[in-house]
Amino acid sequence: MVRLQGLAPQVSERTRLLLLGSFPGVASLQAQRYYGHPRNQFWRLVGEALGLPLAEADYEARLALLDRHRVGLWDVITETEREGSLDSNIRDPRASDLLALIAGLPGLRTIAFNGGTAHRIGLRQLGEAAARYRILALPSSSPAYTLAYAAKLEAWRQISLIEEEQA
């Protein structure tokens, strides 16, 4: 099985909210873009939660809008073996160095995990450092996670409250 490399973190020293997924799916890896599968609801969820036109924007504009609103992106796994895009198929994962990343984010206040796999692995990586941040476990934006969109959005709206508190 081929070893897959994840995407680089999209953060700046202004980042206050870090959104962490598990590992990019096949479409995202092929496009070298976060949440590149057209049915993944990430851009729509974050856009609606923050009141930003992310779903309509091109990829570079999406990243710029997130940065302007002090939101960063990365994944809790940086390298793995996997057939297809399901988290359940992840084999021999290499963890991202979340501690090194957050050490360079002086304004970071909140870490939100996109899905249960990201939450479980990410909390283990953060260890005691997690206590310094507000931690959110959000329902997966993946089309494979069949929770109704309205229920996902209700949970994801928590990130808008955080941004208002941190403004």
Protein backbone atom coordinates (compact mmCIF):
# COMPACT_ATOMS: atom_id res chain seq x y z
CA MET A 1 0.00 0.00 0.00
CA VAL A 2 1.25 3.49 -0.86
CA ARG A 3 2.17 5.91 1.94
CA LEU A 4 0.06 9.09 1.64
CA GLN A 5 1.22 12.56 2.68
CA GLY A 6 -1.25 15.06 4.12
CA LEU A 7 -1.51 18.76 3.39
CA ALA A 8 0.47 21.58 4.98
CA PRO A 9 -1.15 23.54 7.82
CA GLN A 10 -2.99 26.70 6.78
CA VAL A 11 -2.37 28.96 9.78
CA SER A 12 -0.81 32.29 10.67
CA GLU A 13 0.34 33.78 13.94
CA ARG A 14 -3.07 35.51 14.02
CA THR A 15 -4.93 32.17 14.20
CA ARG A 16 -7.35 32.03 17.13
CA LEU A 17 -9.49 29.08 16.02
CA LEU A 18 -7.85 25.93 14.67
CA LEU A 19 -10.08 23.48 12.77
CA LEU A 20 -8.57 20.00 12.68
CA GLY A 21 -9.70 17.16 10.48
CA SER A 22 -8.40 13.59 10.49
CA PHE A 23 -6.67 13.14 7.10
CA PRO A 24 -7.56 14.40 3.60
CA GLY A 25 -9.71 12.22 1.39
CA VAL A 26 -8.71 11.04 -2.07
CA ALA A 27 -10.26 14.04 -3.87
CA SER A 28 -8.53 16.49 -1.50
CA LEU A 29 -5.15 14.81 -1.95
CA GLN A 30 -5.53 14.78 -5.73
CA ALA A 31 -6.46 18.47 -5.78
CA GLN A 32 -4.00 19.33 -2.97
CA ARG A 33 -6.80 21.30 -1.33
CA TYR A 34 -8.56 20.91 1.99
CA TYR A 35 -12.07 19.47 1.71
CA GLY A 36 -11.79 19.05 -2.04
CA HIS A 37 -14.61 16.55 -2.47
CA PRO A 38 -17.64 18.41 -3.89
CA ARG A 39 -20.03 16.64 -1.49
CA ASN A 40 -18.02 17.40 1.63
CA GLN A 41 -20.01 19.98 3.58
CA PHE A 42 -17.04 21.69 5.29
CA TRP A 43 -16.97 24.93 3.29
CA ARG A 44 -20.74 25.31 3.48
CA LEU A 45 -20.83 24.59 7.25
CA VAL A 46 -17.99 26.95 8.14
CA GLY A 47 -19.28 29.60 5.76
CA GLU A 48 -22.79 29.54 7.18
CA ALA A 49 -21.53 29.38 10.78
CA LEU A 50 -19.26 32.39 10.30
CA GLY A 51 -21.40 34.31 7.81
CA LEU A 52 -18.76 34.06 5.07
CA PRO A 53 -19.29 33.24 1.36
CA LEU A 54 -16.91 30.27 1.47
CA ALA A 55 -18.99 27.85 -0.60
CA GLU A 56 -19.11 30.31 -3.52
CA ALA A 57 -15.44 31.37 -3.35
CA ASP A 58 -12.51 29.75 -5.11
CA TYR A 59 -10.01 27.88 -2.97
CA GLU A 60 -7.47 30.67 -2.53
CA ALA A 61 -10.23 33.12 -1.56
CA ARG A 62 -11.55 30.58 0.95
CA LEU A 63 -8.15 30.34 2.63
CA ALA A 64 -7.78 34.12 2.64
CA LEU A 65 -11.23 34.59 4.22
CA LEU A 66 -10.43 32.04 6.93
CA ASP A 67 -7.12 33.74 7.68
CA ARG A 68 -8.78 37.15 7.82
CA HIS A 69 -11.19 35.71 10.40
CA ARG A 70 -8.28 34.15 12.32
CA VAL A 71 -9.22 30.56 11.45
CA GLY A 72 -6.59 27.94 10.65
CA LEU A 73 -6.79 24.43 9.15
CA TRP A 74 -4.82 21.24 9.52
CA ASP A 75 -5.22 17.54 10.16
CA VAL A 76 -4.27 15.39 13.14
CA ILE A 77 -2.61 12.81 10.86
CA THR A 78 0.20 13.90 8.58
CA GLU A 79 0.98 10.61 6.86
CA THR A 80 -0.78 7.25 6.57
CA GLU A 81 -1.71 4.29 4.43
CA ARG A 82 -5.32 4.13 3.37
CA GLU A 83 -7.46 2.78 0.56
CA GLY A 84 -10.27 5.16 -0.30
CA SER A 85 -11.28 8.09 1.91
CA LEU A 86 -12.89 6.55 5.00
CA ASP A 87 -11.24 7.15 8.37
CA SER A 88 -11.94 3.51 9.23
CA ASN A 89 -9.43 2.52 6.50
CA ILE A 90 -6.53 4.52 7.98
CA ARG A 91 -3.55 2.26 8.68
CA ASP A 92 -0.24 3.03 10.36
CA PRO A 93 -0.91 6.76 10.85
CA ARG A 94 1.83 9.23 11.68
CA ALA A 95 0.52 11.96 13.94
CA SER A 96 0.86 15.61 13.05
CA ASP A 97 3.00 17.58 15.50
CA LEU A 98 0.14 19.57 16.99
CA LEU A 99 2.21 20.70 19.97
CA ALA A 100 4.83 22.29 17.72
CA LEU A 101 2.12 23.93 15.62
CA ILE A 102 0.22 25.45 18.53
CA ALA A 103 3.47 26.66 20.10
CA GLY A 104 3.72 29.04 17.14
CA LEU A 105 0.15 30.30 17.46
CA PRO A 106 0.21 32.81 20.33
CA GLY A 107 -3.40 33.93 19.79
CA LEU A 108 -4.89 30.42 19.63
CA ARG A 109 -7.89 30.07 21.94
CA THR A 110 -10.01 27.28 20.48
CA ILE A 111 -9.33 23.94 18.82
CA ALA A 112 -12.27 22.36 17.00
CA PHE A 113 -12.19 18.82 15.68
CA ASN A 114 -14.06 17.90 12.51
CA GLY A 115 -15.39 14.45 13.39
CA GLY A 116 -14.86 11.78 15.98
CA THR A 117 -11.59 10.37 14.60
CA ALA A 118 -9.95 13.80 14.59
CA HIS A 119 -11.24 14.46 18.11
CA ARG A 120 -10.00 11.16 19.52
CA ILE A 121 -6.55 11.30 17.92
CA GLY A 122 -6.12 15.04 18.43
CA LEU A 123 -6.89 14.98 22.15
CA ARG A 124 -4.37 12.17 22.63
CA GLN A 125 -1.72 14.26 20.82
CA LEU A 126 -2.47 17.42 22.78
CA GLY A 127 -2.39 15.67 26.13
CA GLU A 128 -2.25 18.16 29.02
CA ALA A 129 -1.92 21.09 26.59
CA ALA A 130 -5.62 20.64 25.72
CA ALA A 131 -6.56 22.20 29.06
CA ARG A 132 -5.24 25.58 27.84
CA TYR A 133 -7.82 25.77 25.04
CA ARG A 134 -11.52 25.58 24.48
CA ILE A 135 -12.03 22.23 22.76
CA LEU A 136 -14.96 21.54 20.42
CA ALA A 137 -15.93 18.15 19.02
CA LEU A 138 -17.95 18.86 15.87
CA PRO A 139 -19.85 16.36 13.72
CA SER A 140 -17.95 15.31 10.64
CA SER A 141 -18.49 17.35 7.49
CA SER A 142 -17.93 14.21 5.42
CA PRO A 143 -20.75 13.00 3.19
CA ALA A 144 -20.14 9.55 4.72
CA TYR A 145 -21.41 10.89 8.05
CA THR A 146 -25.15 10.91 7.48
CA LEU A 147 -26.34 13.24 10.25
CA ALA A 148 -28.78 15.72 8.74
CA TYR A 149 -27.17 18.94 7.50
CA ALA A 150 -29.33 21.09 9.81
CA ALA A 151 -28.09 19.17 12.85
CA LYS A 152 -24.48 19.47 11.69
CA LEU A 153 -24.90 23.21 11.17
CA GLU A 154 -26.41 23.69 14.61
CA ALA A 155 -23.30 22.14 16.16
CA TRP A 156 -20.90 24.00 13.86
CA ARG A 157 -22.48 27.34 14.82
CA GLN A 158 -20.46 27.06 18.04
CA ILE A 159 -17.48 28.40 16.09
CA SER A 160 -19.31 31.67 15.38
CA LEU A 161 -19.87 32.25 19.09
CA ILE A 162 -16.19 31.72 19.73
CA GLU A 163 -15.17 34.16 17.03
CA GLU A 164 -17.48 36.82 18.50
CA GLU A 165 -16.00 36.29 21.98
CA GLN A 166 -12.48 36.56 20.61
CA ALA A 167 -13.01 39.58 18.36
